[in-house]
Each structure stands twice: as C-alpha cells, then as structure tokens.
C-alpha cells in the first residue's frame, strides 16, 4: 500500500511542471533563482487516486474470493443433492418404509416424513430433522399429529385416539404449506384419512 502511494505521488510529480522562475540577469548581479514547488492540491489528488485504486484492488480481491467460495458451496450442495435424491413414487409409501429414511443410517441420504398424507424429502433441513436435530422425532414417520399439536413428545395411546380440534388443524395447515413449499414431494402415504385433518 505504501509503495502504491509513493508510486502514485511520483507519477503525479512527473506531470507537474515546477514553478521555475526565469533566469534573471542584471547588471548588478548574475544570480539564478529557481523555485521548485508542487501545488498541494496535486498531492491531495494523487492520494485520492491512490486510495481509490487500493480500495478497488482490495474489494476486487474480496469479490473474487467470495465468488470462489460460493462456487465451492454450490458444488458441495449439488453433490449433497445427488446423494440425498429419491425418486417420487407412484405407489403409496407405507409408514413402515419411512423408518429407513430417518437420517440415522445414512448421514448423506434422504430424510422422509409425511404430513397430511403427503411424503416429503426434508434432507435440506438435516440440521432440524437429522439425528441431532430438534425435530428428529418426526423423521422417518407420519409427523402430522406432532405438527398439529406443536409437540415433540410421543402421544400416549389414549391421546392418539382423540381427534384433532379446529385449532390443531389450523396449526397443521400452516406447517403443511411451509413444508410443501420448502421440500421435495416424493409420494403419498398409504392409509391416510383426509377427514382426520380437514378444516
């Protein structure tokens, strides 16, 4: 940076014509007076140009570094997507089949859960639904009632028999659309009763 500043000042100085007084010769004395001076505004201009050039260079380097990091991140995401991809099925999923996709057996594979009879691959939310995630209890199963009740504990057998109330169904609807808009749909869940969740 210092070298850049000095180089700029030298280049500015090279373009500045020094104020040189004419040679004065008089009968009384033969003296030569020469005054070299650089206008301060030229120095300020040189410093400004140097600062702008340095800022451009630094910001350009940061921009290149950011682009390289983003390209690396995108490549990593594509690789993860390939590993976690699962084909959409025409045949409905059995809840028993979902258990194999709870994220515990394959740390890079798909994570499935069902909501309102639709099955989604939520691998992008691995930090939520993976083995160490807050919502892991919902992975590899029908998560409908967990979402409707906003709870992360298993229901008792008696609780499971109680139909969802209107507030729980409304809550479920919000969760359903959030998940539907965020994650990949991979099929339907066998045995789902739409009357159990309809508004």
C-alpha atoms as a PDB file:
ATOM      1  CA  UNK A   1       0.000   0.000   0.000  1.00  0.00           C
ATOM      2  CA  UNK A   2       2.829   2.400   0.902  1.00  0.00           C
ATOM      3  CA  UNK A   3       4.665   1.532  -2.320  1.00  0.00           C
ATOM      4  CA  UNK A   4       1.471   2.179  -4.276  1.00  0.00           C
ATOM      5  CA  UNK A   5       1.122   5.596  -2.616  1.00  0.00           C
ATOM      6  CA  UNK A   6       4.746   6.530  -3.367  1.00  0.00           C
ATOM      7  CA  UNK A   7       4.439   5.398  -6.964  1.00  0.00           C
ATOM      8  CA  UNK A   8       1.310   7.478  -7.372  1.00  0.00           C
ATOM      9  CA  UNK A   9       2.954  10.565  -5.878  1.00  0.00           C
ATOM     10  CA  UNK A  10       5.936  10.125  -8.188  1.00  0.00           C
ATOM     11  CA  UNK A  11       3.629   9.847 -11.176  1.00  0.00           C
ATOM     12  CA  UNK A  12       1.762  12.974 -10.086  1.00  0.00           C
ATOM     13  CA  UNK A  13       5.000  14.821  -9.576  1.00  0.00           C
ATOM     14  CA  UNK A  14       6.178  13.806 -13.045  1.00  0.00           C
ATOM     15  CA  UNK A  15       3.187  15.528 -14.612  1.00  0.00           C
ATOM     16  CA  UNK A  16       3.506  18.691 -12.568  1.00  0.00           C
ATOM     17  CA  UNK A  17       5.662  21.368 -14.110  1.00  0.00           C
ATOM     18  CA  UNK A  18       7.650  23.027 -11.391  1.00  0.00           C
ATOM     19  CA  UNK A  19       7.309  26.773 -10.990  1.00  0.00           C
ATOM     20  CA  UNK A  20      10.599  27.843 -12.248  1.00  0.00           C
ATOM     21  CA  UNK A  21      11.422  31.487 -12.285  1.00  0.00           C
ATOM     22  CA  UNK A  22      13.152  32.769 -15.351  1.00  0.00           C
ATOM     23  CA  UNK A  23      16.837  33.309 -15.145  1.00  0.00           C
ATOM     24  CA  UNK A  24      17.290  36.871 -14.103  1.00  0.00           C
ATOM     25  CA  UNK A  25      20.398  38.553 -15.143  1.00  0.00           C
ATOM     26  CA  UNK A  26      21.058  42.051 -14.040  1.00  0.00           C
ATOM     27  CA  UNK A  27      23.930  44.379 -14.330  1.00  0.00           C
ATOM     28  CA  UNK A  28      24.401  44.423 -10.586  1.00  0.00           C
ATOM     29  CA  UNK A  29      24.389  40.623 -10.111  1.00  0.00           C
ATOM     30  CA  UNK A  30      24.403  37.461 -12.071  1.00  0.00           C
ATOM     31  CA  UNK A  31      22.235  35.157  -9.989  1.00  0.00           C
ATOM     32  CA  UNK A  32      19.987  32.299 -10.943  1.00  0.00           C
ATOM     33  CA  UNK A  33      16.928  31.789  -8.828  1.00  0.00           C
ATOM     34  CA  UNK A  34      14.961  28.584  -9.182  1.00  0.00           C
ATOM     35  CA  UNK A  35      11.958  27.641  -7.113  1.00  0.00           C
ATOM     36  CA  UNK A  36      10.570  24.157  -7.264  1.00  0.00           C
ATOM     37  CA  UNK A  37       7.146  23.746  -5.761  1.00  0.00           C
ATOM     38  CA  UNK A  38       4.322  21.211  -6.082  1.00  0.00           C
ATOM     39  CA  UNK A  39       0.815  22.504  -5.604  1.00  0.00           C
ATOM     40  CA  UNK A  40      -0.760  20.764  -2.515  1.00  0.00           C
ATOM     41  CA  UNK A  41      -3.954  20.092  -4.493  1.00  0.00           C
ATOM     42  CA  UNK A  42      -1.959  17.827  -6.795  1.00  0.00           C
ATOM     43  CA  UNK A  43      -0.674  15.847  -3.794  1.00  0.00           C
ATOM     44  CA  UNK A  44      -4.225  15.508  -2.433  1.00  0.00           C
ATOM     45  CA  UNK A  45      -5.394  14.370  -5.848  1.00  0.00           C
ATOM     46  CA  UNK A  46      -2.638  11.785  -6.015  1.00  0.00           C
ATOM     47  CA  UNK A  47      -3.511  10.453  -2.573  1.00  0.00           C
ATOM     48  CA  UNK A  48      -7.190  10.258  -3.540  1.00  0.00           C
ATOM     49  CA  UNK A  49      -6.397   8.376  -6.740  1.00  0.00           C
ATOM     50  CA  UNK A  50      -4.089   6.025  -4.852  1.00  0.00           C
ATOM     51  CA  UNK A  51      -6.703   5.394  -2.169  1.00  0.00           C
ATOM     52  CA  UNK A  52      -9.385   4.704  -4.766  1.00  0.00           C
ATOM     53  CA  UNK A  53      -7.053   2.349  -6.661  1.00  0.00           C
ATOM     54  CA  UNK A  54      -6.136   0.481  -3.480  1.00  0.00           C
ATOM     55  CA  UNK A  55      -9.798   0.192  -2.450  1.00  0.00           C
ATOM     56  CA  UNK A  56     -10.720  -1.102  -5.895  1.00  0.00           C
ATOM     57  CA  UNK A  57      -7.929  -3.673  -5.752  1.00  0.00           C
ATOM     58  CA  UNK A  58      -8.831  -4.846  -2.227  1.00  0.00           C
ATOM     59  CA  UNK A  59     -12.570  -5.032  -2.959  1.00  0.00           C
ATOM     60  CA  UNK A  60     -11.854  -6.832  -6.222  1.00  0.00           C
ATOM     61  CA  UNK A  61      -9.777  -9.424  -4.365  1.00  0.00           C
ATOM     62  CA  UNK A  62     -12.555  -9.918  -1.803  1.00  0.00           C
ATOM     63  CA  UNK A  63     -15.127 -10.238  -4.579  1.00  0.00           C
ATOM     64  CA  UNK A  64     -13.036 -12.887  -6.338  1.00  0.00           C
ATOM     65  CA  UNK A  65     -12.586 -14.766  -3.072  1.00  0.00           C
ATOM     66  CA  UNK A  66     -16.346 -14.626  -2.355  1.00  0.00           C
ATOM     67  CA  UNK A  67     -17.162 -15.893  -5.844  1.00  0.00           C
ATOM     68  CA  UNK A  68     -14.731 -18.792  -5.432  1.00  0.00           C
ATOM     69  CA  UNK A  69     -16.260 -19.701  -2.064  1.00  0.00           C
ATOM     70  CA  UNK A  70     -19.789 -19.532  -3.495  1.00  0.00           C
ATOM     71  CA  UNK A  71     -18.815 -21.750  -6.432  1.00  0.00           C
ATOM     72  CA  UNK A  72     -17.340 -24.260  -3.971  1.00  0.00           C
ATOM     73  CA  UNK A  73     -20.529 -24.111  -1.855  1.00  0.00           C
ATOM     74  CA  UNK A  74     -22.727 -24.663  -4.928  1.00  0.00           C
ATOM     75  CA  UNK A  75     -20.648 -27.675  -5.998  1.00  0.00           C
ATOM     76  CA  UNK A  76     -20.967 -29.129  -2.485  1.00  0.00           C
ATOM     77  CA  UNK A  77     -24.742 -28.559  -2.495  1.00  0.00           C
ATOM     78  CA  UNK A  78     -25.088 -30.314  -5.865  1.00  0.00           C
ATOM     79  CA  UNK A  79     -23.134 -33.285  -4.528  1.00  0.00           C
ATOM     80  CA  UNK A  80     -25.337 -33.415  -1.410  1.00  0.00           C
ATOM     81  CA  UNK A  81     -28.454 -33.198  -3.544  1.00  0.00           C
ATOM     82  CA  UNK A  82     -27.318 -36.173  -5.637  1.00  0.00           C
ATOM     83  CA  UNK A  83     -26.646 -38.251  -2.521  1.00  0.00           C
ATOM     84  CA  UNK A  84     -29.990 -37.342  -0.924  1.00  0.00           C
ATOM     85  CA  UNK A  85     -32.139 -37.609  -4.046  1.00  0.00           C
ATOM     86  CA  UNK A  86     -35.014 -40.063  -4.092  1.00  0.00           C
ATOM     87  CA  UNK A  87     -37.479 -40.709  -6.910  1.00  0.00           C
ATOM     88  CA  UNK A  88     -41.114 -39.686  -6.500  1.00  0.00           C
ATOM     89  CA  UNK A  89     -43.196 -42.844  -6.174  1.00  0.00           C
ATOM     90  CA  UNK A  90     -46.495 -43.627  -7.814  1.00  0.00           C
ATOM     91  CA  UNK A  91     -47.140 -46.400  -5.315  1.00  0.00           C
ATOM     92  CA  UNK A  92     -48.078 -45.001  -1.881  1.00  0.00           C
ATOM     93  CA  UNK A  93     -45.470 -45.233   0.855  1.00  0.00           C
ATOM     94  CA  UNK A  94     -46.117 -47.441   3.863  1.00  0.00           C
ATOM     95  CA  UNK A  95     -45.249 -45.814   7.181  1.00  0.00           C
ATOM     96  CA  UNK A  96     -43.021 -48.801   7.907  1.00  0.00           C
ATOM     97  CA  UNK A  97     -40.973 -47.930   4.814  1.00  0.00           C
ATOM     98  CA  UNK A  98     -40.377 -44.382   6.020  1.00  0.00           C
ATOM     99  CA  UNK A  99     -38.453 -45.638   9.062  1.00  0.00           C
ATOM    100  CA  UNK A 100     -35.448 -46.496   6.865  1.00  0.00           C
ATOM    101  CA  UNK A 101     -35.203 -42.812   5.924  1.00  0.00           C
ATOM    102  CA  UNK A 102     -34.917 -41.181   9.350  1.00  0.00           C
ATOM    103  CA  UNK A 103     -31.354 -39.949   8.707  1.00  0.00           C
ATOM    104  CA  UNK A 104     -29.686 -42.328  11.157  1.00  0.00           C
ATOM    105  CA  UNK A 105     -28.474 -44.970   8.711  1.00  0.00           C
ATOM    106  CA  UNK A 106     -27.110 -42.650   6.029  1.00  0.00           C
ATOM    107  CA  UNK A 107     -25.761 -39.229   7.079  1.00  0.00           C
ATOM    108  CA  UNK A 108     -25.867 -38.014   3.461  1.00  0.00           C
ATOM    109  CA  UNK A 109     -29.056 -39.744   2.338  1.00  0.00           C
ATOM    110  CA  UNK A 110     -32.690 -38.688   2.162  1.00  0.00           C
ATOM    111  CA  UNK A 111     -34.829 -37.958   5.219  1.00  0.00           C
ATOM    112  CA  UNK A 112     -38.530 -38.597   4.749  1.00  0.00           C
ATOM    113  CA  UNK A 113     -41.568 -37.547   6.739  1.00  0.00           C
ATOM    114  CA  UNK A 114     -45.275 -37.484   5.996  1.00  0.00           C
ATOM    115  CA  UNK A 115     -47.696 -34.615   6.565  1.00  0.00           C
ATOM    116  CA  UNK A 116     -51.415 -34.828   5.759  1.00  0.00           C
ATOM    117  CA  UNK A 117     -50.862 -37.875   3.556  1.00  0.00           C
ATOM    118  CA  UNK A 118     -48.000 -36.395   1.518  1.00  0.00           C
ATOM    119  CA  UNK A 119     -44.434 -37.657   1.877  1.00  0.00           C
ATOM    120  CA  UNK A 120     -41.558 -35.175   1.661  1.00  0.00           C
ATOM    121  CA  UNK A 121     -37.789 -35.495   1.424  1.00  0.00           C
ATOM    122  CA  UNK A 122     -36.559 -32.984   4.016  1.00  0.00           C
ATOM    123  CA  UNK A 123     -32.820 -33.616   3.564  1.00  0.00           C
ATOM    124  CA  UNK A 124     -32.219 -29.864   3.134  1.00  0.00           C
ATOM    125  CA  UNK A 125     -33.382 -29.477   6.725  1.00  0.00           C
ATOM    126  CA  UNK A 126     -30.972 -32.122   8.026  1.00  0.00           C
ATOM    127  CA  UNK A 127     -29.947 -29.795  10.856  1.00  0.00           C
ATOM    128  CA  UNK A 128     -33.600 -29.898  12.034  1.00  0.00           C
ATOM    129  CA  UNK A 129     -34.621 -33.474  11.187  1.00  0.00           C
ATOM    130  CA  UNK A 130     -31.289 -35.339  11.332  1.00  0.00           C
ATOM    131  CA  UNK A 131     -30.190 -37.413  14.346  1.00  0.00           C
ATOM    132  CA  UNK A 132     -29.004 -34.354  16.289  1.00  0.00           C
ATOM    133  CA  UNK A 133     -31.839 -32.104  15.153  1.00  0.00           C
ATOM    134  CA  UNK A 134     -34.594 -30.650  17.293  1.00  0.00           C
ATOM    135  CA  UNK A 135     -37.322 -32.264  15.147  1.00  0.00           C
ATOM    136  CA  UNK A 136     -35.672 -35.657  14.648  1.00  0.00           C
ATOM    137  CA  UNK A 137     -38.632 -37.339  16.340  1.00  0.00           C
ATOM    138  CA  UNK A 138     -40.656 -36.554  13.184  1.00  0.00           C
ATOM    139  CA  UNK A 139     -38.168 -38.089  10.734  1.00  0.00           C
ATOM    140  CA  UNK A 140     -38.983 -41.412   9.088  1.00  0.00           C
ATOM    141  CA  UNK A 141     -42.664 -41.379  10.068  1.00  0.00           C
ATOM    142  CA  UNK A 142     -46.027 -39.621   9.804  1.00  0.00           C
ATOM    143  CA  UNK A 143     -45.411 -36.264  11.507  1.00  0.00           C
ATOM    144  CA  UNK A 144     -48.972 -34.985  11.098  1.00  0.00           C
ATOM    145  CA  UNK A 145     -50.050 -35.043  14.739  1.00  0.00           C
ATOM    146  CA  UNK A 146     -46.694 -33.745  16.029  1.00  0.00           C
ATOM    147  CA  UNK A 147     -47.064 -30.692  13.806  1.00  0.00           C
ATOM    148  CA  UNK A 148     -50.755 -30.183  14.550  1.00  0.00           C
ATOM    149  CA  UNK A 149     -50.124 -30.252  18.293  1.00  0.00           C
ATOM    150  CA  UNK A 150     -46.774 -28.437  18.134  1.00  0.00           C
ATOM    151  CA  UNK A 151     -45.221 -31.063  20.359  1.00  0.00           C
ATOM    152  CA  UNK A 152     -42.018 -33.064  20.282  1.00  0.00           C
ATOM    153  CA  UNK A 153     -43.001 -35.903  22.588  1.00  0.00           C
ATOM    154  CA  UNK A 154     -44.747 -39.155  21.782  1.00  0.00           C
ATOM    155  CA  UNK A 155     -48.500 -39.265  22.420  1.00  0.00           C
ATOM    156  CA  UNK A 156     -49.959 -41.911  24.663  1.00  0.00           C
ATOM    157  CA  UNK A 157     -52.282 -44.464  23.092  1.00  0.00           C
ATOM    158  CA  UNK A 158     -55.257 -42.658  24.645  1.00  0.00           C
ATOM    159  CA  UNK A 159     -54.122 -39.294  23.237  1.00  0.00           C
ATOM    160  CA  UNK A 160     -53.777 -40.761  19.754  1.00  0.00           C
ATOM    161  CA  UNK A 161     -57.483 -41.683  19.812  1.00  0.00           C
ATOM    162  CA  UNK A 162     -58.581 -38.080  20.362  1.00  0.00           C
ATOM    163  CA  UNK A 163     -59.359 -36.287  17.055  1.00  0.00           C
ATOM    164  CA  UNK A 164     -57.570 -33.043  16.282  1.00  0.00           C
ATOM    165  CA  UNK A 165     -59.517 -29.940  17.266  1.00  0.00           C
ATOM    166  CA  UNK A 166     -60.042 -26.939  14.998  1.00  0.00           C
ATOM    167  CA  UNK A 167     -57.042 -25.004  16.409  1.00  0.00           C
ATOM    168  CA  UNK A 168     -54.742 -28.001  15.890  1.00  0.00           C
ATOM    169  CA  UNK A 169     -55.997 -28.460  12.336  1.00  0.00           C
ATOM    170  CA  UNK A 170     -55.351 -24.789  11.601  1.00  0.00           C
ATOM    171  CA  UNK A 171     -51.825 -25.094  13.012  1.00  0.00           C
ATOM    172  CA  UNK A 172     -51.256 -28.204  10.895  1.00  0.00           C
ATOM    173  CA  UNK A 173     -52.358 -26.353   7.766  1.00  0.00           C
ATOM    174  CA  UNK A 174     -49.668 -23.722   8.328  1.00  0.00           C
ATOM    175  CA  UNK A 175     -46.987 -26.351   8.848  1.00  0.00           C
ATOM    176  CA  UNK A 176     -48.150 -28.317   5.812  1.00  0.00           C
ATOM    177  CA  UNK A 177     -47.773 -25.387   3.429  1.00  0.00           C
ATOM    178  CA  UNK A 178     -44.402 -24.428   4.892  1.00  0.00           C
ATOM    179  CA  UNK A 179     -43.064 -27.943   4.300  1.00  0.00           C
ATOM    180  CA  UNK A 180     -44.750 -28.301   0.909  1.00  0.00           C
ATOM    181  CA  UNK A 181     -43.160 -25.078  -0.339  1.00  0.00           C
ATOM    182  CA  UNK A 182     -39.719 -25.911   1.037  1.00  0.00           C
ATOM    183  CA  UNK A 183     -39.118 -29.615   0.447  1.00  0.00           C
ATOM    184  CA  UNK A 184     -39.394 -32.195  -2.330  1.00  0.00           C
ATOM    185  CA  UNK A 185     -42.652 -34.140  -2.615  1.00  0.00           C
ATOM    186  CA  UNK A 186     -41.887 -37.851  -3.126  1.00  0.00           C
ATOM    187  CA  UNK A 187     -45.295 -39.519  -2.977  1.00  0.00           C
ATOM    188  CA  UNK A 188     -48.340 -40.229  -0.859  1.00  0.00           C
ATOM    189  CA  UNK A 189     -48.760 -42.092   2.416  1.00  0.00           C
ATOM    190  CA  UNK A 190     -50.866 -45.244   2.361  1.00  0.00           C
ATOM    191  CA  UNK A 191     -53.877 -45.335   4.693  1.00  0.00           C
ATOM    192  CA  UNK A 192     -54.168 -41.578   5.203  1.00  0.00           C
ATOM    193  CA  UNK A 193     -57.679 -40.426   6.150  1.00  0.00           C
ATOM    194  CA  UNK A 194     -58.214 -36.830   4.916  1.00  0.00           C
ATOM    195  CA  UNK A 195     -61.210 -36.355   7.220  1.00  0.00           C
ATOM    196  CA  UNK A 196     -58.850 -36.570  10.207  1.00  0.00           C
ATOM    197  CA  UNK A 197     -57.201 -33.264   9.293  1.00  0.00           C
ATOM    198  CA  UNK A 198     -59.620 -31.331   7.070  1.00  0.00           C
ATOM    199  CA  UNK A 199     -60.822 -27.945   8.276  1.00  0.00           C
END
